[in-house]
């Protein structure tokens, strides 16, 4: 059977998104270990909420594991390894659930406190910036679900499933 184009495309995309994930993790770790500006409203919220800070610290090792899984799955998809298709499906389900959970957690522990801080600031600039950040964060969270949903859909398609079945040798 010929390799489905979707397998090659998702193999490459898995690897690209894994690299982006590792870069994002480096930036996240820098946020915790480098001195931050006291005027940064996000850092103020993190410093005032131990629950949210803990959530972010738990997200880092989860991000390492999920990025590593995505990288391995991408390499495996290019080699038509059946475990890579299963790992891609597992990653997609994890990413969808985690993406929804992260959007809810960010809304409760980041967006709402930032909007409250903005209401206490004089002038419309702070409120506008907080509302813009809230809208952008929510839209970003929803857009982040597109890839795992597409990955799940394509990994479950009949021609992709068939490409990963072991070929039956012809009768002797």
N, C-alpha and C. Protein backbone atom coordinates (compact mmCIF):
# COMPACT_ATOMS: atom_id res chain seq x y z
N UNK A 1 0.85 -1.19 0.00
CA UNK A 1 0.00 0.00 0.00
C UNK A 1 0.88 1.24 0.00
N UNK A 2 0.43 2.22 -0.73
CA UNK A 2 1.17 3.47 -0.82
C UNK A 2 0.94 4.30 0.44
N UNK A 3 2.00 5.00 0.86
CA UNK A 3 1.91 5.85 2.06
C UNK A 3 0.93 6.99 1.80
N UNK A 4 -0.07 7.17 2.69
CA UNK A 4 -0.98 8.32 2.55
C UNK A 4 -0.21 9.63 2.76
N UNK A 5 -0.53 10.63 1.97
CA UNK A 5 0.11 11.93 2.09
C UNK A 5 -0.07 12.51 3.48
N UNK A 6 -1.21 12.28 4.09
CA UNK A 6 -1.49 12.81 5.42
C UNK A 6 -0.48 12.30 6.45
N UNK A 7 -0.02 11.07 6.29
CA UNK A 7 0.96 10.51 7.24
C UNK A 7 2.27 11.28 7.16
N UNK A 8 2.71 11.56 5.95
CA UNK A 8 3.95 12.33 5.77
C UNK A 8 3.79 13.75 6.33
N UNK A 9 2.68 14.38 5.98
CA UNK A 9 2.44 15.76 6.44
C UNK A 9 2.38 15.82 7.96
N UNK A 10 1.63 14.92 8.58
CA UNK A 10 1.52 14.95 10.04
C UNK A 10 2.81 14.50 10.72
N UNK A 11 3.58 13.64 10.08
CA UNK A 11 4.89 13.29 10.64
C UNK A 11 5.78 14.52 10.73
N UNK A 12 5.83 15.28 9.64
CA UNK A 12 6.64 16.50 9.62
C UNK A 12 6.08 17.54 10.60
N UNK A 13 4.76 17.75 10.58
CA UNK A 13 4.15 18.73 11.48
C UNK A 13 4.36 18.35 12.94
N UNK A 14 4.27 17.08 13.26
CA UNK A 14 4.52 16.64 14.64
C UNK A 14 5.92 17.07 15.08
N UNK A 15 6.90 16.86 14.21
CA UNK A 15 8.27 17.22 14.57
C UNK A 15 8.43 18.74 14.70
N UNK A 16 7.82 19.50 13.79
CA UNK A 16 7.92 20.96 13.84
C UNK A 16 7.26 21.48 15.12
N UNK A 17 6.06 20.99 15.44
CA UNK A 17 5.37 21.46 16.64
C UNK A 17 6.09 21.01 17.91
N UNK A 18 6.76 19.87 17.86
CA UNK A 18 7.55 19.42 19.01
C UNK A 18 8.70 20.40 19.27
N UNK A 19 9.37 20.83 18.20
CA UNK A 19 10.47 21.80 18.35
C UNK A 19 9.92 23.11 18.92
N UNK A 20 8.79 23.58 18.40
CA UNK A 20 8.16 24.79 18.96
C UNK A 20 7.82 24.59 20.44
N UNK A 21 7.36 23.39 20.78
CA UNK A 21 7.04 23.09 22.17
C UNK A 21 8.27 23.20 23.06
N UNK A 22 9.39 22.66 22.59
CA UNK A 22 10.62 22.73 23.39
C UNK A 22 11.09 24.18 23.53
N UNK A 23 10.96 24.97 22.48
CA UNK A 23 11.33 26.39 22.56
C UNK A 23 10.44 27.12 23.56
N UNK A 24 9.15 26.84 23.53
CA UNK A 24 8.23 27.44 24.49
C UNK A 24 8.54 27.04 25.92
N UNK A 25 8.96 25.80 26.10
CA UNK A 25 9.33 25.34 27.44
C UNK A 25 10.56 26.06 27.96
N UNK A 26 11.52 26.31 27.09
CA UNK A 26 12.72 27.05 27.50
C UNK A 26 12.32 28.46 27.94
N UNK A 27 11.42 29.10 27.18
CA UNK A 27 10.95 30.44 27.55
C UNK A 27 10.19 30.40 28.87
N UNK A 28 9.38 29.37 29.09
CA UNK A 28 8.63 29.24 30.34
C UNK A 28 9.56 29.07 31.54
N UNK A 29 10.58 28.24 31.36
CA UNK A 29 11.52 28.03 32.46
C UNK A 29 12.30 29.31 32.75
N UNK A 30 12.63 30.06 31.71
CA UNK A 30 13.32 31.34 31.91
C UNK A 30 12.45 32.30 32.72
N UNK A 31 11.15 32.24 32.49
CA UNK A 31 10.23 33.11 33.21
C UNK A 31 10.30 32.86 34.71
N UNK A 32 10.48 31.61 35.11
CA UNK A 32 10.52 31.28 36.53
C UNK A 32 11.89 31.54 37.17
N UNK A 33 12.95 31.46 36.38
CA UNK A 33 14.27 31.51 36.97
C UNK A 33 15.01 32.83 36.76
N UNK A 34 14.55 33.66 35.83
CA UNK A 34 15.19 34.95 35.61
C UNK A 34 14.42 36.02 36.36
N UNK A 35 15.10 37.09 36.80
CA UNK A 35 14.37 38.15 37.50
C UNK A 35 13.38 38.81 36.56
N UNK A 36 12.19 39.04 37.07
CA UNK A 36 11.13 39.63 36.25
C UNK A 36 10.87 41.06 36.67
N UNK A 37 10.34 41.80 35.75
CA UNK A 37 9.98 43.18 36.03
C UNK A 37 8.80 43.21 37.00
N UNK A 38 8.86 44.07 37.97
CA UNK A 38 7.77 44.16 38.95
C UNK A 38 6.53 44.81 38.34
N UNK A 39 6.68 45.42 37.16
CA UNK A 39 5.52 46.05 36.53
C UNK A 39 4.77 45.09 35.61
N UNK A 40 5.26 43.87 35.46
CA UNK A 40 4.61 42.90 34.60
C UNK A 40 3.37 42.36 35.31
N UNK A 41 2.16 42.65 34.80
CA UNK A 41 0.94 42.22 35.49
C UNK A 41 0.76 40.71 35.55
N UNK A 42 1.27 39.99 34.56
CA UNK A 42 1.16 38.53 34.58
C UNK A 42 2.02 37.96 35.71
N UNK A 43 3.24 38.46 35.84
CA UNK A 43 4.10 37.98 36.92
C UNK A 43 3.52 38.34 38.29
N UNK A 44 2.85 39.47 38.36
CA UNK A 44 2.20 39.87 39.62
C UNK A 44 1.12 38.85 40.00
N UNK A 45 0.32 38.45 39.03
CA UNK A 45 -0.73 37.46 39.27
C UNK A 45 -0.11 36.12 39.69
N UNK A 46 0.95 35.71 39.00
CA UNK A 46 1.61 34.44 39.32
C UNK A 46 2.16 34.49 40.75
N UNK A 47 2.81 35.59 41.09
CA UNK A 47 3.40 35.71 42.43
C UNK A 47 2.35 35.77 43.53
N UNK A 48 1.15 36.25 43.21
CA UNK A 48 0.09 36.37 44.21
C UNK A 48 -0.78 35.12 44.29
N UNK A 49 -0.60 34.18 43.38
CA UNK A 49 -1.43 32.98 43.37
C UNK A 49 -0.56 31.72 43.39
N UNK A 50 -0.34 31.16 44.58
CA UNK A 50 0.46 29.94 44.64
C UNK A 50 -0.15 28.79 43.85
N UNK A 51 -1.47 28.75 43.77
CA UNK A 51 -2.14 27.68 43.02
C UNK A 51 -1.79 27.79 41.53
N UNK A 52 -1.86 29.01 41.01
CA UNK A 52 -1.55 29.20 39.59
C UNK A 52 -0.06 28.96 39.32
N UNK A 53 0.80 29.39 40.23
CA UNK A 53 2.24 29.16 40.08
C UNK A 53 2.54 27.65 40.06
N UNK A 54 1.87 26.92 40.94
CA UNK A 54 2.04 25.46 40.97
C UNK A 54 1.56 24.84 39.67
N UNK A 55 0.42 25.29 39.18
CA UNK A 55 -0.12 24.81 37.90
C UNK A 55 0.92 25.00 36.79
N UNK A 56 1.52 26.18 36.73
CA UNK A 56 2.50 26.44 35.69
C UNK A 56 3.74 25.57 35.84
N UNK A 57 4.13 25.32 37.08
CA UNK A 57 5.31 24.46 37.32
C UNK A 57 5.02 23.00 36.96
N UNK A 58 3.77 22.57 37.10
CA UNK A 58 3.39 21.22 36.70
C UNK A 58 3.32 21.12 35.17
N UNK A 59 2.94 22.22 34.54
CA UNK A 59 2.83 22.23 33.07
C UNK A 59 4.17 22.04 32.39
N UNK A 60 5.26 22.46 33.02
CA UNK A 60 6.57 22.35 32.38
C UNK A 60 6.97 20.90 32.15
N UNK A 61 6.98 20.03 33.18
CA UNK A 61 7.33 18.63 32.87
C UNK A 61 6.32 17.94 31.96
N UNK A 62 5.05 18.32 32.08
CA UNK A 62 4.06 17.75 31.16
C UNK A 62 4.36 18.18 29.73
N UNK A 63 4.79 19.42 29.57
CA UNK A 63 5.16 19.92 28.25
C UNK A 63 6.37 19.20 27.68
N UNK A 64 7.34 18.90 28.54
CA UNK A 64 8.52 18.14 28.09
C UNK A 64 8.08 16.76 27.59
N UNK A 65 7.25 16.09 28.38
CA UNK A 65 6.79 14.75 28.00
C UNK A 65 5.96 14.78 26.72
N UNK A 66 5.04 15.74 26.63
CA UNK A 66 4.18 15.78 25.44
C UNK A 66 4.96 16.18 24.20
N UNK A 67 5.93 17.09 24.33
CA UNK A 67 6.75 17.47 23.18
C UNK A 67 7.63 16.30 22.74
N UNK A 68 8.17 15.57 23.71
CA UNK A 68 8.98 14.39 23.36
C UNK A 68 8.13 13.33 22.67
N UNK A 69 6.91 13.13 23.17
CA UNK A 69 6.01 12.15 22.54
C UNK A 69 5.66 12.59 21.12
N UNK A 70 5.42 13.87 20.94
CA UNK A 70 5.07 14.39 19.62
C UNK A 70 6.24 14.23 18.65
N UNK A 71 7.46 14.49 19.13
CA UNK A 71 8.65 14.31 18.29
C UNK A 71 8.82 12.84 17.90
N UNK A 72 8.71 11.96 18.88
CA UNK A 72 8.84 10.52 18.60
C UNK A 72 7.76 10.06 17.63
N UNK A 73 6.54 10.53 17.84
CA UNK A 73 5.44 10.16 16.95
C UNK A 73 5.68 10.64 15.53
N UNK A 74 6.21 11.85 15.40
CA UNK A 74 6.50 12.38 14.07
C UNK A 74 7.54 11.53 13.34
N UNK A 75 8.60 11.19 14.05
CA UNK A 75 9.64 10.34 13.44
C UNK A 75 9.07 8.97 13.09
N UNK A 76 8.27 8.42 14.00
CA UNK A 76 7.67 7.11 13.75
C UNK A 76 6.68 7.12 12.60
N UNK A 77 5.92 8.21 12.46
CA UNK A 77 4.97 8.30 11.34
C UNK A 77 5.71 8.27 10.00
N UNK A 78 6.84 8.96 9.96
CA UNK A 78 7.61 8.96 8.70
C UNK A 78 8.13 7.57 8.37
N UNK A 79 8.34 6.75 9.41
CA UNK A 79 8.78 5.37 9.19
C UNK A 79 7.62 4.37 9.14
N UNK A 80 6.39 4.87 9.11
CA UNK A 80 5.18 4.05 9.09
C UNK A 80 5.16 3.01 10.22
N UNK A 81 5.55 3.42 11.39
CA UNK A 81 5.52 2.54 12.56
C UNK A 81 4.12 2.60 13.18
N UNK A 82 3.54 1.45 13.45
CA UNK A 82 2.17 1.42 13.96
C UNK A 82 2.07 2.08 15.33
N UNK A 83 3.12 1.98 16.15
CA UNK A 83 3.09 2.61 17.47
C UNK A 83 3.01 4.14 17.33
N UNK A 84 3.55 4.69 16.24
CA UNK A 84 3.55 6.14 16.05
C UNK A 84 2.13 6.67 15.80
N UNK A 85 1.34 5.89 15.07
CA UNK A 85 -0.05 6.28 14.86
C UNK A 85 -0.80 6.27 16.18
N UNK A 86 -0.58 5.23 16.99
CA UNK A 86 -1.24 5.14 18.30
C UNK A 86 -0.77 6.26 19.22
N UNK A 87 0.53 6.55 19.19
CA UNK A 87 1.06 7.64 20.01
C UNK A 87 0.49 8.98 19.56
N UNK A 88 0.32 9.17 18.26
CA UNK A 88 -0.26 10.40 17.74
C UNK A 88 -1.71 10.56 18.21
N UNK A 89 -2.45 9.46 18.21
CA UNK A 89 -3.84 9.49 18.69
C UNK A 89 -3.84 9.82 20.18
N UNK A 90 -2.98 9.18 20.95
CA UNK A 90 -2.89 9.46 22.38
C UNK A 90 -2.51 10.91 22.65
N UNK A 91 -1.54 11.42 21.89
CA UNK A 91 -1.14 12.82 22.04
C UNK A 91 -2.31 13.74 21.72
N UNK A 92 -3.03 13.46 20.64
CA UNK A 92 -4.14 14.32 20.23
C UNK A 92 -5.21 14.38 21.32
N UNK A 93 -5.55 13.25 21.88
CA UNK A 93 -6.56 13.23 22.95
C UNK A 93 -6.05 14.01 24.15
N UNK A 94 -4.80 13.77 24.55
CA UNK A 94 -4.20 14.50 25.66
C UNK A 94 -4.22 16.00 25.39
N UNK A 95 -3.79 16.42 24.19
CA UNK A 95 -3.71 17.84 23.86
C UNK A 95 -5.08 18.51 23.86
N UNK A 96 -6.10 17.81 23.43
CA UNK A 96 -7.45 18.38 23.43
C UNK A 96 -7.92 18.57 24.87
N UNK A 97 -7.80 17.54 25.68
CA UNK A 97 -8.24 17.62 27.09
C UNK A 97 -7.42 18.67 27.83
N UNK A 98 -6.09 18.63 27.67
CA UNK A 98 -5.24 19.57 28.37
C UNK A 98 -5.48 21.00 27.89
N UNK A 99 -5.72 21.18 26.60
CA UNK A 99 -5.98 22.52 26.05
C UNK A 99 -7.25 23.13 26.64
N UNK A 100 -8.29 22.32 26.76
CA UNK A 100 -9.54 22.81 27.36
C UNK A 100 -9.31 23.14 28.84
N UNK A 101 -8.63 22.23 29.56
CA UNK A 101 -8.34 22.45 30.97
C UNK A 101 -7.49 23.71 31.16
N UNK A 102 -6.47 23.89 30.34
CA UNK A 102 -5.60 25.07 30.46
C UNK A 102 -6.36 26.36 30.21
N UNK A 103 -7.29 26.35 29.26
CA UNK A 103 -8.09 27.54 28.99
C UNK A 103 -8.95 27.90 30.20
N UNK A 104 -9.53 26.89 30.83
CA UNK A 104 -10.35 27.13 32.03
C UNK A 104 -9.49 27.63 33.18
N UNK A 105 -8.35 26.98 33.42
CA UNK A 105 -7.46 27.39 34.52
C UNK A 105 -6.96 28.81 34.30
N UNK A 106 -6.54 29.12 33.08
CA UNK A 106 -6.06 30.47 32.78
C UNK A 106 -7.16 31.51 32.96
N UNK A 107 -8.36 31.15 32.60
CA UNK A 107 -9.49 32.07 32.78
C UNK A 107 -9.72 32.38 34.26
N UNK A 108 -9.67 31.33 35.08
CA UNK A 108 -9.94 31.51 36.51
C UNK A 108 -8.79 32.21 37.22
N UNK A 109 -7.56 31.75 36.98
CA UNK A 109 -6.43 32.21 37.78
C UNK A 109 -5.61 33.33 37.16
N UNK A 110 -5.80 33.61 35.86
CA UNK A 110 -5.03 34.68 35.23
C UNK A 110 -5.92 35.79 34.69
N UNK A 111 -6.87 35.42 33.84
CA UNK A 111 -7.68 36.43 33.19
C UNK A 111 -8.53 37.22 34.18
N UNK A 112 -9.25 36.53 35.05
CA UNK A 112 -10.11 37.23 36.00
C UNK A 112 -9.33 38.14 36.95
N UNK A 113 -8.20 37.68 37.54
CA UNK A 113 -7.42 38.59 38.38
C UNK A 113 -6.86 39.79 37.60
N UNK A 114 -6.44 39.56 36.34
CA UNK A 114 -5.91 40.68 35.56
C UNK A 114 -7.00 41.70 35.24
N UNK A 115 -8.20 41.22 34.95
CA UNK A 115 -9.31 42.14 34.71
C UNK A 115 -9.64 42.93 35.97
N UNK A 116 -9.56 42.27 37.12
CA UNK A 116 -9.81 42.96 38.40
C UNK A 116 -8.74 44.01 38.65
N UNK A 117 -7.49 43.68 38.39
CA UNK A 117 -6.40 44.66 38.53
C UNK A 117 -6.62 45.85 37.60
N UNK A 118 -7.07 45.58 36.39
CA UNK A 118 -7.27 46.64 35.41
C UNK A 118 -8.39 47.58 35.84
N UNK A 119 -9.42 47.05 36.47
CA UNK A 119 -10.53 47.89 36.94
C UNK A 119 -10.06 48.88 38.01
N UNK A 120 -9.02 48.51 38.73
CA UNK A 120 -8.51 49.37 39.80
C UNK A 120 -7.54 50.43 39.29
N UNK A 121 -7.12 50.33 38.04
CA UNK A 121 -6.18 51.29 37.45
C UNK A 121 -6.94 52.47 36.87
N UNK A 122 -6.37 53.67 36.98
CA UNK A 122 -7.03 54.83 36.36
C UNK A 122 -6.85 54.79 34.84
N UNK A 123 -7.82 55.28 34.14
CA UNK A 123 -7.74 55.37 32.69
C UNK A 123 -8.19 54.11 31.97
N UNK A 124 -8.62 54.28 30.73
CA UNK A 124 -9.14 53.14 29.96
C UNK A 124 -8.05 52.23 29.39
N UNK A 125 -6.79 52.69 29.39
CA UNK A 125 -5.73 51.90 28.75
C UNK A 125 -5.55 50.54 29.43
N UNK A 126 -5.51 50.54 30.76
CA UNK A 126 -5.29 49.29 31.48
C UNK A 126 -6.44 48.32 31.26
N UNK A 127 -7.66 48.82 31.30
CA UNK A 127 -8.82 47.96 31.09
C UNK A 127 -8.83 47.41 29.67
N UNK A 128 -8.53 48.26 28.70
CA UNK A 128 -8.50 47.82 27.30
C UNK A 128 -7.44 46.77 27.06
N UNK A 129 -6.28 46.95 27.67
CA UNK A 129 -5.20 45.97 27.51
C UNK A 129 -5.58 44.64 28.15
N UNK A 130 -6.20 44.69 29.33
CA UNK A 130 -6.61 43.46 30.01
C UNK A 130 -7.69 42.73 29.22
N UNK A 131 -8.64 43.47 28.69
CA UNK A 131 -9.70 42.85 27.89
C UNK A 131 -9.12 42.25 26.61
N UNK A 132 -8.21 42.98 25.98
CA UNK A 132 -7.55 42.48 24.78
C UNK A 132 -6.76 41.20 25.07
N UNK A 133 -6.07 41.18 26.20
CA UNK A 133 -5.34 39.99 26.59
C UNK A 133 -6.26 38.81 26.87
N UNK A 134 -7.40 39.09 27.51
CA UNK A 134 -8.37 38.03 27.81
C UNK A 134 -8.94 37.44 26.53
N UNK A 135 -9.30 38.31 25.61
CA UNK A 135 -9.86 37.84 24.34
C UNK A 135 -8.81 37.08 23.55
N UNK A 136 -7.59 37.64 23.48
CA UNK A 136 -6.51 36.98 22.75
C UNK A 136 -6.15 35.63 23.34
N UNK A 137 -6.10 35.55 24.67
CA UNK A 137 -5.79 34.28 25.32
C UNK A 137 -6.84 33.22 25.06
N UNK A 138 -8.09 33.63 25.09
CA UNK A 138 -9.18 32.67 24.84
C UNK A 138 -9.17 32.20 23.38
N UNK A 139 -9.00 33.14 22.46
CA UNK A 139 -8.95 32.77 21.05
C UNK A 139 -7.73 31.90 20.78
N UNK A 140 -6.59 32.25 21.39
CA UNK A 140 -5.37 31.46 21.23
C UNK A 140 -5.56 30.04 21.74
N UNK A 141 -6.23 29.91 22.89
CA UNK A 141 -6.50 28.58 23.43
C UNK A 141 -7.37 27.75 22.50
N UNK A 142 -8.35 28.39 21.89
CA UNK A 142 -9.23 27.67 20.95
C UNK A 142 -8.47 27.30 19.67
N UNK A 143 -7.64 28.21 19.16
CA UNK A 143 -6.86 27.92 17.96
C UNK A 143 -5.86 26.80 18.21
N UNK A 144 -5.37 26.72 19.45
CA UNK A 144 -4.43 25.67 19.80
C UNK A 144 -5.04 24.27 19.74
N UNK A 145 -6.36 24.20 19.71
CA UNK A 145 -7.03 22.90 19.63
C UNK A 145 -7.16 22.39 18.19
N UNK A 146 -6.93 23.26 17.22
CA UNK A 146 -7.13 22.87 15.82
C UNK A 146 -6.20 21.72 15.43
N UNK A 147 -4.91 21.84 15.73
CA UNK A 147 -3.97 20.79 15.30
C UNK A 147 -4.29 19.44 15.92
N UNK A 148 -4.46 19.34 17.24
CA UNK A 148 -4.75 18.00 17.78
C UNK A 148 -6.06 17.41 17.26
N UNK A 149 -7.06 18.25 17.00
CA UNK A 149 -8.32 17.74 16.45
C UNK A 149 -8.08 17.19 15.05
N UNK A 150 -7.36 17.93 14.22
CA UNK A 150 -7.06 17.45 12.86
C UNK A 150 -6.20 16.19 12.90
N UNK A 151 -5.21 16.16 13.79
CA UNK A 151 -4.36 14.98 13.93
C UNK A 151 -5.21 13.76 14.28
N UNK A 152 -6.12 13.91 15.24
CA UNK A 152 -6.98 12.81 15.64
C UNK A 152 -7.85 12.34 14.47
N UNK A 153 -8.46 13.29 13.77
CA UNK A 153 -9.33 12.94 12.64
C UNK A 153 -8.55 12.16 11.58
N UNK A 154 -7.38 12.66 11.20
CA UNK A 154 -6.62 12.01 10.13
C UNK A 154 -6.03 10.68 10.56
N UNK A 155 -5.62 10.54 11.80
CA UNK A 155 -5.06 9.26 12.25
C UNK A 155 -6.13 8.17 12.36
N UNK A 156 -7.40 8.56 12.37
CA UNK A 156 -8.49 7.59 12.44
C UNK A 156 -9.11 7.29 11.08
N UNK A 157 -8.64 7.97 10.03
CA UNK A 157 -9.19 7.73 8.69
C UNK A 157 -8.81 6.34 8.21
N UNK A 158 -9.67 5.75 7.43
CA UNK A 158 -9.50 4.38 6.97
C UNK A 158 -8.20 4.14 6.22
N UNK A 159 -7.84 5.03 5.30
CA UNK A 159 -6.63 4.81 4.52
C UNK A 159 -5.37 4.92 5.38
N UNK A 160 -5.41 5.75 6.43
CA UNK A 160 -4.27 5.87 7.34
C UNK A 160 -4.18 4.62 8.20
N UNK A 161 -5.31 4.16 8.73
CA UNK A 161 -5.31 2.94 9.54
C UNK A 161 -4.78 1.78 8.71
N UNK A 162 -5.22 1.68 7.45
CA UNK A 162 -4.78 0.58 6.59
C UNK A 162 -3.28 0.65 6.30
N UNK A 163 -2.73 1.85 6.19
CA UNK A 163 -1.30 2.01 5.89
C UNK A 163 -0.42 1.47 7.02
N UNK A 164 -0.95 1.41 8.22
CA UNK A 164 -0.18 0.96 9.36
C UNK A 164 -0.41 -0.52 9.69
N UNK A 165 -1.31 -1.18 8.95
CA UNK A 165 -1.50 -2.62 9.17
C UNK A 165 -0.35 -3.37 8.56
N UNK A 166 0.07 -4.45 9.22
CA UNK A 166 1.15 -5.23 8.61
C UNK A 166 0.68 -5.85 7.31
N UNK A 167 1.55 -5.82 6.33
CA UNK A 167 1.17 -6.39 5.04
C UNK A 167 1.18 -7.92 5.15
N UNK A 168 0.23 -8.53 4.50
CA UNK A 168 0.11 -9.99 4.52
C UNK A 168 0.95 -10.53 3.37
N UNK A 169 1.89 -11.42 3.67
CA UNK A 169 2.71 -11.98 2.59
C UNK A 169 1.85 -12.83 1.65
N UNK A 170 2.19 -12.85 0.38
CA UNK A 170 1.40 -13.66 -0.56
C UNK A 170 1.57 -15.15 -0.23
N UNK A 171 0.52 -15.94 -0.52
CA UNK A 171 0.63 -17.37 -0.24
C UNK A 171 1.76 -18.00 -1.06
N UNK A 172 2.39 -18.98 -0.45
CA UNK A 172 3.55 -19.63 -1.12
C UNK A 172 3.11 -20.55 -2.22
